[in-house]
N, C-alpha and C. Protein backbone atom coordinates (compact mmCIF):
# COMPACT_ATOMS: atom_id res chain seq x y z
N MET A 1 8.26 15.42 -9.51
CA MET A 1 7.43 14.42 -8.92
C MET A 1 6.73 13.58 -9.84
N THR A 2 6.25 14.15 -10.97
CA THR A 2 5.59 13.33 -12.04
C THR A 2 6.68 12.52 -12.67
N ASP A 3 7.95 12.91 -12.63
CA ASP A 3 9.00 12.07 -13.16
C ASP A 3 9.01 10.64 -12.51
N ILE A 4 8.81 10.68 -11.18
CA ILE A 4 8.78 9.40 -10.40
C ILE A 4 7.66 8.53 -10.89
N LEU A 5 6.52 9.07 -11.12
CA LEU A 5 5.37 8.36 -11.65
C LEU A 5 5.64 7.85 -12.99
N LYS A 6 6.24 8.74 -13.90
CA LYS A 6 6.49 8.27 -15.22
C LYS A 6 7.45 7.12 -15.23
N LYS A 7 8.52 7.10 -14.46
CA LYS A 7 9.45 6.03 -14.37
C LYS A 7 8.81 4.77 -13.93
N HIS A 8 7.90 4.91 -12.95
CA HIS A 8 7.09 3.79 -12.37
C HIS A 8 6.26 3.20 -13.42
N ILE A 9 5.62 3.89 -14.16
CA ILE A 9 4.68 3.38 -15.26
C ILE A 9 5.57 2.77 -16.32
N GLN A 10 6.66 3.36 -16.70
CA GLN A 10 7.45 2.80 -17.80
C GLN A 10 8.09 1.46 -17.41
N LYS A 11 8.20 1.23 -16.10
CA LYS A 11 8.73 -0.13 -15.70
C LYS A 11 7.73 -1.21 -16.08
N THR A 12 6.47 -0.86 -16.29
CA THR A 12 5.47 -1.90 -16.49
C THR A 12 4.87 -1.89 -17.90
N VAL A 13 4.59 -0.70 -18.51
CA VAL A 13 4.07 -0.61 -19.83
C VAL A 13 4.90 0.46 -20.60
N ASP A 14 4.95 0.34 -21.95
CA ASP A 14 5.60 1.21 -22.70
C ASP A 14 4.78 2.39 -23.28
N LEU A 15 4.87 3.51 -22.75
CA LEU A 15 4.09 4.67 -23.27
C LEU A 15 4.96 5.66 -23.89
N SER A 16 4.39 6.50 -24.81
CA SER A 16 5.18 7.50 -25.49
C SER A 16 5.18 8.71 -24.49
N ASP A 17 6.11 9.61 -24.77
CA ASP A 17 6.22 10.81 -23.89
C ASP A 17 4.91 11.54 -23.78
N ALA A 18 4.16 11.62 -24.86
CA ALA A 18 2.90 12.38 -24.79
C ALA A 18 1.90 11.59 -24.03
N GLU A 19 1.88 10.25 -24.10
CA GLU A 19 0.93 9.45 -23.22
C GLU A 19 1.24 9.57 -21.82
N LEU A 20 2.59 9.63 -21.52
CA LEU A 20 2.99 9.75 -20.09
C LEU A 20 2.60 11.13 -19.51
N GLU A 21 2.86 12.12 -20.32
CA GLU A 21 2.38 13.50 -19.86
C GLU A 21 0.87 13.56 -19.59
N LYS A 22 0.09 12.94 -20.51
CA LYS A 22 -1.30 12.92 -20.40
C LYS A 22 -1.73 12.04 -19.21
N ALA A 23 -1.12 10.93 -18.94
CA ALA A 23 -1.45 10.05 -17.79
C ALA A 23 -1.20 10.80 -16.54
N CYS A 24 -0.11 11.54 -16.45
CA CYS A 24 0.21 12.26 -15.15
C CYS A 24 -0.74 13.39 -14.95
N SER A 25 -1.36 13.85 -15.98
CA SER A 25 -2.32 15.11 -15.88
C SER A 25 -3.53 14.59 -15.11
N PHE A 26 -3.79 13.36 -14.96
CA PHE A 26 -5.00 12.92 -14.19
C PHE A 26 -4.83 12.83 -12.79
N PHE A 27 -3.58 13.01 -12.30
CA PHE A 27 -3.29 12.86 -10.83
C PHE A 27 -3.16 14.26 -10.19
N LYS A 28 -3.39 14.22 -8.89
CA LYS A 28 -3.28 15.47 -8.04
C LYS A 28 -2.39 15.16 -6.91
N LYS A 29 -1.49 16.09 -6.55
CA LYS A 29 -0.52 15.88 -5.45
C LYS A 29 -1.32 16.26 -4.10
N GLN A 30 -0.93 15.50 -3.12
CA GLN A 30 -1.46 15.83 -1.75
C GLN A 30 -0.53 15.40 -0.63
N HIS A 31 -0.29 16.32 0.33
CA HIS A 31 0.52 15.97 1.49
C HIS A 31 -0.32 15.47 2.70
N PHE A 32 0.18 14.61 3.47
CA PHE A 32 -0.50 14.16 4.69
C PHE A 32 0.57 14.13 5.84
N LYS A 33 0.18 14.43 7.02
CA LYS A 33 1.04 14.38 8.16
C LYS A 33 1.11 13.04 8.83
N LYS A 34 2.14 12.73 9.53
CA LYS A 34 2.28 11.42 10.23
C LYS A 34 1.03 11.37 11.16
N ARG A 35 0.46 10.14 11.30
CA ARG A 35 -0.77 9.84 12.06
C ARG A 35 -2.06 10.35 11.38
N GLU A 36 -1.97 11.09 10.34
CA GLU A 36 -3.16 11.55 9.66
C GLU A 36 -3.87 10.37 8.94
N MET A 37 -5.27 10.39 9.01
CA MET A 37 -6.01 9.35 8.30
C MET A 37 -6.28 9.80 6.88
N ILE A 38 -6.02 9.10 5.95
CA ILE A 38 -6.30 9.28 4.53
C ILE A 38 -7.72 8.76 4.25
N ILE A 39 -7.99 7.57 4.69
CA ILE A 39 -9.28 6.94 4.61
C ILE A 39 -9.70 6.43 6.03
N SER A 40 -10.94 6.68 6.37
CA SER A 40 -11.37 6.09 7.66
C SER A 40 -12.58 5.17 7.28
N GLU A 41 -12.88 4.23 8.13
CA GLU A 41 -13.93 3.32 7.96
C GLU A 41 -15.24 4.18 7.69
N ASN A 42 -16.06 3.75 6.78
CA ASN A 42 -17.35 4.38 6.39
C ASN A 42 -17.14 5.62 5.40
N ASP A 43 -15.95 6.00 5.18
CA ASP A 43 -15.69 7.09 4.15
C ASP A 43 -16.05 6.63 2.78
N GLN A 44 -16.45 7.53 1.98
CA GLN A 44 -16.60 7.25 0.49
C GLN A 44 -15.20 7.16 -0.01
N VAL A 45 -14.80 6.22 -0.74
CA VAL A 45 -13.39 6.08 -1.23
C VAL A 45 -13.39 6.47 -2.71
N ASP A 46 -12.88 7.71 -3.04
CA ASP A 46 -12.93 8.17 -4.33
C ASP A 46 -11.51 8.26 -4.99
N HIS A 47 -10.45 7.75 -4.27
CA HIS A 47 -9.11 7.81 -4.83
C HIS A 47 -8.29 6.58 -4.58
N VAL A 48 -7.34 6.32 -5.50
CA VAL A 48 -6.17 5.46 -5.17
C VAL A 48 -5.02 6.43 -5.09
N TYR A 49 -4.01 5.96 -4.33
CA TYR A 49 -2.85 6.75 -4.01
C TYR A 49 -1.57 6.08 -4.42
N PHE A 50 -0.75 6.87 -5.19
CA PHE A 50 0.56 6.41 -5.50
C PHE A 50 1.51 7.22 -4.65
N ILE A 51 2.41 6.46 -3.85
CA ILE A 51 3.18 7.08 -2.85
C ILE A 51 4.58 7.60 -3.38
N ILE A 52 4.70 8.82 -3.24
CA ILE A 52 5.94 9.50 -3.71
C ILE A 52 7.00 9.39 -2.53
N SER A 53 6.64 9.68 -1.33
CA SER A 53 7.41 9.62 -0.14
C SER A 53 6.54 9.38 1.07
N GLY A 54 7.04 8.56 2.06
CA GLY A 54 6.29 8.29 3.26
C GLY A 54 5.95 6.84 3.38
N LEU A 55 5.19 6.54 4.36
CA LEU A 55 4.88 5.13 4.79
C LEU A 55 3.35 5.14 5.30
N LEU A 56 2.58 4.21 4.88
CA LEU A 56 1.16 4.09 5.19
C LEU A 56 0.95 2.70 5.72
N LYS A 57 -0.15 2.60 6.59
CA LYS A 57 -0.69 1.27 6.89
C LYS A 57 -2.21 1.24 6.55
N LEU A 58 -2.56 0.07 6.03
CA LEU A 58 -4.01 -0.16 5.81
C LEU A 58 -4.45 -1.16 6.76
N PHE A 59 -5.65 -0.89 7.41
CA PHE A 59 -6.06 -1.73 8.54
C PHE A 59 -7.48 -1.86 8.69
N TYR A 60 -7.91 -2.88 9.36
CA TYR A 60 -9.39 -3.03 9.71
C TYR A 60 -9.54 -3.08 11.16
N THR A 61 -10.53 -2.42 11.66
CA THR A 61 -10.83 -2.45 13.12
C THR A 61 -12.06 -3.30 13.30
N ASP A 62 -11.92 -4.38 14.15
CA ASP A 62 -13.08 -5.21 14.35
C ASP A 62 -14.06 -4.78 15.48
N THR A 63 -15.12 -5.41 15.77
CA THR A 63 -16.15 -5.03 16.62
C THR A 63 -15.66 -4.84 18.03
N GLU A 64 -14.56 -5.34 18.36
CA GLU A 64 -13.98 -5.23 19.72
C GLU A 64 -12.86 -4.17 19.72
N ALA A 65 -12.76 -3.33 18.66
CA ALA A 65 -11.80 -2.35 18.49
C ALA A 65 -10.40 -2.72 18.41
N LYS A 66 -10.21 -3.97 17.97
CA LYS A 66 -8.86 -4.52 17.74
C LYS A 66 -8.47 -4.15 16.29
N GLU A 67 -7.29 -3.64 16.17
CA GLU A 67 -6.78 -3.25 14.81
C GLU A 67 -6.05 -4.40 14.17
N HIS A 68 -6.44 -4.78 12.93
CA HIS A 68 -5.82 -5.84 12.19
C HIS A 68 -5.15 -5.10 10.93
N ILE A 69 -3.81 -5.23 10.92
CA ILE A 69 -3.03 -4.52 9.86
C ILE A 69 -3.06 -5.48 8.61
N ILE A 70 -3.56 -4.88 7.56
CA ILE A 70 -3.62 -5.62 6.26
C ILE A 70 -2.33 -5.48 5.47
N SER A 71 -1.89 -4.28 5.38
CA SER A 71 -0.62 -4.10 4.65
C SER A 71 -0.01 -2.77 5.03
N PHE A 72 1.33 -2.66 4.66
CA PHE A 72 2.04 -1.42 4.70
C PHE A 72 2.41 -0.97 3.25
N SER A 73 2.54 0.33 3.04
CA SER A 73 2.97 0.62 1.68
C SER A 73 3.92 1.92 1.77
N MET A 74 4.82 1.92 0.84
CA MET A 74 5.83 2.96 0.89
C MET A 74 6.08 3.49 -0.53
N GLU A 75 7.15 4.23 -0.69
CA GLU A 75 7.48 4.86 -1.97
C GLU A 75 7.37 3.83 -3.09
N ASP A 76 6.80 4.36 -4.19
CA ASP A 76 6.75 3.59 -5.42
C ASP A 76 5.66 2.55 -5.38
N TRP A 77 4.80 2.49 -4.32
CA TRP A 77 3.68 1.52 -4.21
C TRP A 77 2.32 2.33 -4.30
N TRP A 78 1.27 1.55 -4.45
CA TRP A 78 -0.06 2.07 -4.53
C TRP A 78 -0.86 1.57 -3.35
N GLU A 79 -1.82 2.39 -2.90
CA GLU A 79 -2.60 1.90 -1.80
C GLU A 79 -4.03 2.57 -1.92
N SER A 80 -4.94 1.84 -1.33
CA SER A 80 -6.39 2.39 -1.09
C SER A 80 -7.14 1.23 -0.55
N ASP A 81 -8.41 1.57 -0.20
CA ASP A 81 -9.38 0.46 0.18
C ASP A 81 -9.93 0.09 -1.25
N TYR A 82 -9.29 -0.86 -1.87
CA TYR A 82 -9.58 -1.18 -3.37
C TYR A 82 -11.02 -1.61 -3.51
N ALA A 83 -11.58 -2.42 -2.54
CA ALA A 83 -12.90 -2.92 -2.79
C ALA A 83 -13.89 -1.69 -2.72
N ALA A 84 -13.70 -0.78 -1.87
CA ALA A 84 -14.50 0.32 -1.81
C ALA A 84 -14.36 1.28 -3.00
N PHE A 85 -13.17 1.44 -3.47
CA PHE A 85 -12.76 2.29 -4.56
C PHE A 85 -13.49 1.68 -5.91
N TYR A 86 -13.22 0.45 -6.13
CA TYR A 86 -13.72 -0.11 -7.42
C TYR A 86 -15.26 -0.33 -7.39
N THR A 87 -15.82 -0.49 -6.27
CA THR A 87 -17.32 -0.68 -6.24
C THR A 87 -17.99 0.66 -5.85
N GLN A 88 -17.19 1.70 -5.59
CA GLN A 88 -17.67 2.99 -5.16
C GLN A 88 -18.76 2.85 -4.01
N THR A 89 -18.19 2.11 -3.02
CA THR A 89 -18.93 1.97 -1.72
C THR A 89 -18.18 2.55 -0.56
N LYS A 90 -18.73 2.39 0.71
CA LYS A 90 -18.06 2.95 1.81
C LYS A 90 -16.85 2.06 2.24
N ALA A 91 -15.90 2.77 2.80
CA ALA A 91 -14.70 1.97 3.22
C ALA A 91 -15.02 1.04 4.40
N THR A 92 -14.39 -0.10 4.42
CA THR A 92 -14.40 -0.98 5.41
C THR A 92 -13.02 -1.10 6.13
N GLN A 93 -12.08 -0.41 5.54
CA GLN A 93 -10.72 -0.42 5.99
C GLN A 93 -10.28 1.03 6.16
N SER A 94 -9.22 1.28 6.91
CA SER A 94 -8.68 2.61 7.17
C SER A 94 -7.21 2.68 6.64
N LEU A 95 -6.85 3.84 6.21
CA LEU A 95 -5.56 4.13 5.70
C LEU A 95 -4.90 5.30 6.46
N GLN A 96 -3.79 5.01 7.12
CA GLN A 96 -3.22 6.02 7.96
C GLN A 96 -1.72 6.20 7.71
N CYS A 97 -1.26 7.40 7.83
CA CYS A 97 0.20 7.70 7.57
C CYS A 97 1.05 7.30 8.90
N LEU A 98 2.07 6.58 8.55
CA LEU A 98 3.10 6.26 9.63
C LEU A 98 4.16 7.26 9.69
N GLU A 99 4.28 8.00 8.60
CA GLU A 99 5.31 9.01 8.39
C GLU A 99 4.63 10.17 7.63
N ASP A 100 5.21 11.36 7.64
CA ASP A 100 4.71 12.39 6.70
C ASP A 100 4.80 11.75 5.34
N THR A 101 3.70 12.05 4.58
CA THR A 101 3.55 11.28 3.30
C THR A 101 3.13 12.29 2.22
N LEU A 102 3.68 12.01 1.03
CA LEU A 102 3.36 12.78 -0.18
C LEU A 102 2.83 11.78 -1.17
N VAL A 103 1.65 12.02 -1.72
CA VAL A 103 1.01 11.12 -2.65
C VAL A 103 0.69 11.82 -3.94
N LEU A 104 0.48 11.06 -5.02
CA LEU A 104 -0.28 11.49 -6.19
C LEU A 104 -1.52 10.69 -6.14
N LYS A 105 -2.66 11.40 -6.07
CA LYS A 105 -3.89 10.63 -6.05
C LYS A 105 -4.65 10.70 -7.32
N LEU A 106 -5.44 9.58 -7.59
CA LEU A 106 -6.22 9.45 -8.80
C LEU A 106 -7.58 9.22 -8.44
N SER A 107 -8.43 10.03 -8.80
CA SER A 107 -9.92 9.94 -8.55
C SER A 107 -10.51 8.77 -9.36
N PHE A 108 -11.61 8.30 -8.83
CA PHE A 108 -12.40 7.23 -9.68
C PHE A 108 -12.78 7.72 -11.07
N ASP A 109 -13.24 8.99 -11.16
CA ASP A 109 -13.59 9.43 -12.52
C ASP A 109 -12.38 9.61 -13.42
N ASN A 110 -11.32 10.14 -12.83
CA ASN A 110 -10.05 10.21 -13.65
C ASN A 110 -9.43 8.88 -13.96
N TYR A 111 -9.68 7.93 -13.08
CA TYR A 111 -9.19 6.46 -13.40
C TYR A 111 -9.93 6.03 -14.61
N GLN A 112 -11.23 6.22 -14.63
CA GLN A 112 -12.11 5.78 -15.78
C GLN A 112 -11.65 6.44 -17.06
N ARG A 113 -11.47 7.74 -16.96
CA ARG A 113 -10.99 8.55 -18.09
C ARG A 113 -9.63 8.08 -18.62
N LEU A 114 -8.72 7.88 -17.69
CA LEU A 114 -7.36 7.44 -18.03
C LEU A 114 -7.28 6.18 -18.74
N LEU A 115 -8.14 5.18 -18.40
CA LEU A 115 -8.19 3.86 -19.06
C LEU A 115 -8.80 4.04 -20.40
N THR A 116 -9.79 4.94 -20.56
CA THR A 116 -10.40 5.17 -21.91
C THR A 116 -9.49 5.87 -22.85
N GLU A 117 -8.77 6.90 -22.33
CA GLU A 117 -7.94 7.79 -23.23
C GLU A 117 -6.59 7.14 -23.47
N ILE A 118 -6.10 6.36 -22.55
CA ILE A 118 -4.81 5.67 -22.75
C ILE A 118 -5.00 4.16 -22.41
N PRO A 119 -5.49 3.42 -23.39
CA PRO A 119 -5.73 1.96 -23.14
C PRO A 119 -4.66 1.11 -22.58
N LYS A 120 -3.43 1.51 -22.78
CA LYS A 120 -2.28 0.74 -22.31
C LYS A 120 -2.30 0.75 -20.75
N MET A 121 -2.93 1.81 -20.09
CA MET A 121 -2.96 1.89 -18.75
C MET A 121 -3.82 0.77 -18.13
N THR A 122 -4.73 0.20 -18.94
CA THR A 122 -5.53 -1.01 -18.39
C THR A 122 -4.55 -2.14 -18.08
N GLU A 123 -3.61 -2.42 -18.94
CA GLU A 123 -2.60 -3.37 -18.79
C GLU A 123 -1.71 -3.00 -17.54
N PHE A 124 -1.34 -1.75 -17.35
CA PHE A 124 -0.56 -1.31 -16.21
C PHE A 124 -1.28 -1.64 -14.93
N PHE A 125 -2.54 -1.24 -14.77
CA PHE A 125 -3.33 -1.49 -13.59
C PHE A 125 -3.63 -3.06 -13.43
N LEU A 126 -3.77 -3.71 -14.42
CA LEU A 126 -3.93 -5.21 -14.34
C LEU A 126 -2.70 -5.83 -13.75
N LYS A 127 -1.56 -5.44 -14.26
CA LYS A 127 -0.29 -6.00 -13.77
C LYS A 127 -0.05 -5.67 -12.29
N LYS A 128 -0.51 -4.44 -11.91
CA LYS A 128 -0.28 -3.97 -10.50
C LYS A 128 -1.17 -4.89 -9.68
N ALA A 129 -2.42 -5.04 -10.05
CA ALA A 129 -3.42 -5.76 -9.34
C ALA A 129 -3.03 -7.26 -9.07
N ILE A 130 -2.46 -7.90 -10.19
CA ILE A 130 -1.91 -9.25 -10.10
C ILE A 130 -0.83 -9.42 -9.13
N GLY A 131 0.04 -8.30 -9.23
CA GLY A 131 1.24 -8.37 -8.20
C GLY A 131 0.68 -8.23 -6.77
N GLY A 132 -0.33 -7.43 -6.57
CA GLY A 132 -0.89 -7.27 -5.26
C GLY A 132 -1.58 -8.55 -4.73
N HIS A 133 -2.28 -9.17 -5.77
CA HIS A 133 -2.96 -10.38 -5.44
C HIS A 133 -1.98 -11.57 -5.00
N ILE A 134 -0.91 -11.60 -5.75
CA ILE A 134 0.14 -12.55 -5.38
C ILE A 134 0.71 -12.39 -3.96
N SER A 135 0.97 -11.10 -3.70
CA SER A 135 1.47 -10.71 -2.39
C SER A 135 0.58 -11.10 -1.25
N ASN A 136 -0.75 -10.85 -1.55
CA ASN A 136 -1.77 -11.12 -0.44
C ASN A 136 -1.94 -12.62 -0.28
N GLN A 137 -1.84 -13.39 -1.37
CA GLN A 137 -1.86 -14.95 -1.20
C GLN A 137 -0.71 -15.40 -0.41
N ARG A 138 0.60 -14.81 -0.71
CA ARG A 138 1.62 -15.20 0.06
C ARG A 138 1.53 -14.96 1.47
N ARG A 139 0.95 -13.86 1.85
CA ARG A 139 0.73 -13.41 3.25
C ARG A 139 -0.27 -14.37 3.88
N ILE A 140 -1.35 -14.63 3.26
CA ILE A 140 -2.42 -15.55 3.84
C ILE A 140 -1.75 -16.89 4.06
N LEU A 141 -1.08 -17.42 3.14
CA LEU A 141 -0.42 -18.76 3.30
C LEU A 141 0.54 -18.68 4.48
N SER A 142 1.36 -17.57 4.61
CA SER A 142 2.32 -17.45 5.65
C SER A 142 1.56 -17.54 7.00
N LEU A 143 0.44 -16.87 7.10
CA LEU A 143 -0.32 -16.90 8.37
C LEU A 143 -0.89 -18.18 8.73
N MET A 144 -1.21 -19.02 7.62
CA MET A 144 -1.80 -20.25 7.87
C MET A 144 -0.75 -21.42 8.18
N THR A 145 0.48 -21.20 7.61
CA THR A 145 1.37 -22.36 7.56
C THR A 145 2.76 -22.19 8.28
N MET A 146 3.07 -20.91 8.48
CA MET A 146 4.40 -20.59 9.00
C MET A 146 4.44 -20.25 10.57
N SER A 147 5.63 -20.57 11.05
CA SER A 147 5.80 -20.09 12.52
C SER A 147 6.06 -18.66 12.48
N ALA A 148 6.06 -17.96 13.63
CA ALA A 148 6.36 -16.61 13.76
C ALA A 148 7.70 -16.32 13.27
N LYS A 149 8.67 -17.10 13.50
CA LYS A 149 10.02 -16.80 13.02
C LYS A 149 10.06 -16.88 11.57
N GLU A 150 9.37 -17.89 10.89
CA GLU A 150 9.31 -17.98 9.40
C GLU A 150 8.70 -16.73 8.82
N ARG A 151 7.58 -16.30 9.43
CA ARG A 151 6.84 -15.21 8.89
C ARG A 151 7.68 -13.85 8.98
N TYR A 152 8.43 -13.77 10.08
CA TYR A 152 9.40 -12.63 10.27
C TYR A 152 10.50 -12.68 9.20
N GLU A 153 11.02 -13.89 9.02
CA GLU A 153 12.09 -14.00 7.98
C GLU A 153 11.61 -13.78 6.50
N GLN A 154 10.43 -14.20 6.29
CA GLN A 154 9.80 -13.87 5.00
C GLN A 154 9.59 -12.42 4.80
N PHE A 155 9.12 -11.74 5.82
CA PHE A 155 8.90 -10.28 5.73
C PHE A 155 10.30 -9.52 5.56
N LEU A 156 11.30 -10.05 6.19
CA LEU A 156 12.61 -9.47 6.16
C LEU A 156 13.16 -9.66 4.68
N LYS A 157 12.87 -10.82 4.09
CA LYS A 157 13.34 -11.16 2.74
C LYS A 157 12.67 -10.27 1.74
N TYR A 158 11.37 -10.11 1.78
CA TYR A 158 10.68 -9.28 0.79
C TYR A 158 10.63 -7.80 1.03
N TYR A 159 10.76 -7.35 2.29
CA TYR A 159 10.71 -5.92 2.58
C TYR A 159 11.64 -5.49 3.57
N PRO A 160 13.02 -5.77 3.26
CA PRO A 160 14.12 -5.41 4.24
C PRO A 160 14.11 -3.94 4.73
N ILE A 161 13.77 -3.06 3.70
CA ILE A 161 13.83 -1.58 4.15
C ILE A 161 12.80 -1.22 5.18
N LEU A 162 11.62 -1.97 5.21
CA LEU A 162 10.62 -1.55 6.17
C LEU A 162 10.90 -1.89 7.55
N ILE A 163 11.76 -2.88 7.84
CA ILE A 163 12.01 -3.31 9.20
C ILE A 163 12.51 -2.16 10.03
N GLN A 164 13.31 -1.31 9.53
CA GLN A 164 13.72 -0.13 10.41
C GLN A 164 12.83 1.02 10.41
N ARG A 165 11.88 1.11 9.50
CA ARG A 165 10.96 2.24 9.43
C ARG A 165 9.69 2.00 10.22
N LEU A 166 9.35 0.74 10.40
CA LEU A 166 8.00 0.46 11.10
C LEU A 166 8.10 0.55 12.59
N PRO A 167 7.02 1.05 13.19
CA PRO A 167 7.03 0.87 14.74
C PRO A 167 6.91 -0.60 14.96
N LYS A 168 7.65 -0.97 16.05
CA LYS A 168 7.66 -2.41 16.38
C LYS A 168 6.25 -3.01 16.62
N THR A 169 5.44 -2.24 17.32
CA THR A 169 4.02 -2.60 17.70
C THR A 169 3.28 -2.83 16.34
N ALA A 170 3.38 -2.01 15.37
CA ALA A 170 2.67 -2.26 14.11
C ALA A 170 3.15 -3.51 13.40
N LEU A 171 4.47 -3.72 13.30
CA LEU A 171 5.01 -4.86 12.68
C LEU A 171 4.62 -6.15 13.45
N ALA A 172 4.61 -6.17 14.73
CA ALA A 172 4.14 -7.31 15.51
C ALA A 172 2.73 -7.57 15.18
N ALA A 173 1.86 -6.61 15.12
CA ALA A 173 0.49 -6.78 14.74
C ALA A 173 0.36 -7.38 13.34
N TYR A 174 1.16 -6.95 12.39
CA TYR A 174 1.02 -7.42 11.08
C TYR A 174 1.48 -8.87 10.95
N LEU A 175 2.48 -9.19 11.70
CA LEU A 175 3.05 -10.58 11.70
C LEU A 175 2.14 -11.52 12.56
N GLY A 176 1.32 -11.02 13.39
CA GLY A 176 0.42 -11.81 14.21
C GLY A 176 1.21 -12.36 15.44
N VAL A 177 2.10 -11.58 15.97
CA VAL A 177 2.90 -12.00 17.16
C VAL A 177 2.88 -10.88 18.19
N SER A 178 3.24 -11.25 19.40
CA SER A 178 3.29 -10.20 20.45
C SER A 178 4.53 -9.36 20.26
N ARG A 179 4.54 -8.20 21.00
CA ARG A 179 5.66 -7.34 20.93
C ARG A 179 6.93 -7.98 21.44
N GLU A 180 6.72 -8.86 22.51
CA GLU A 180 7.93 -9.55 23.22
C GLU A 180 8.47 -10.63 22.15
N THR A 181 7.58 -11.31 21.43
CA THR A 181 8.10 -12.32 20.44
C THR A 181 8.86 -11.52 19.25
N LEU A 182 8.33 -10.31 18.85
CA LEU A 182 9.03 -9.72 17.90
C LEU A 182 10.41 -9.18 18.36
N SER A 183 10.45 -8.77 19.61
CA SER A 183 11.78 -8.31 20.17
C SER A 183 12.76 -9.46 20.21
N ARG A 184 12.32 -10.66 20.50
CA ARG A 184 13.13 -11.82 20.46
C ARG A 184 13.64 -12.18 19.11
N LEU A 185 12.73 -12.06 18.11
CA LEU A 185 13.11 -12.28 16.67
C LEU A 185 14.09 -11.30 16.22
N TYR A 186 13.95 -9.99 16.66
CA TYR A 186 14.89 -8.96 16.36
C TYR A 186 16.24 -9.34 16.85
N SER A 187 16.32 -9.73 18.12
CA SER A 187 17.60 -10.06 18.74
C SER A 187 18.27 -11.26 18.01
N GLU A 188 17.45 -12.26 17.62
CA GLU A 188 17.99 -13.41 17.02
C GLU A 188 18.55 -13.06 15.66
N SER A 189 18.01 -12.10 14.99
CA SER A 189 18.46 -11.72 13.61
C SER A 189 19.54 -10.65 13.69
N GLY A 190 19.93 -10.17 14.90
CA GLY A 190 20.92 -9.19 15.02
C GLY A 190 20.42 -7.77 14.80
N LEU A 191 19.14 -7.48 14.69
CA LEU A 191 18.55 -6.14 14.52
C LEU A 191 18.31 -5.55 15.84
N LYS A 192 18.30 -4.27 15.95
CA LYS A 192 17.97 -3.56 17.26
C LYS A 192 16.65 -2.89 17.05
């Protein structure tokens, strides 16, 4: 399992074998069941999560109890309520398993120690944050400027593996379309 994390880190920064071993020692393994909440609104957010297997959704629930899906995350991705994690405040977003999920979690204290003891990990997390920021900007622009069909096609282009794994209701909510519109888009693209 730590081999997966080591390979993931090595794709972004070059660490020695000793540094990789030490970096992995800061993480703890945890299993979650399908539908289980990892983070709920108002929780203290003490961890970021590297996904070994499974599928998660990060969402916000508004005052009318409507769920707004912010992102999905799968194997080899990171997820958390980052604002709450980095500021050590209460969660405003929730993180839920869409499948049984195995993660390696990194606590805030261990995150701080990791950056101090292995300075190259600062570059690693900076590059991950920049990639996430770029993805979020792409999504915001798609919601502002693209048709439902274009948003669907963009999602299919960037995340083809997720199309078959996601519940259609969740994907429709993420894309900002009705379930019926998503079914029509599925049919037009030849997916079932």
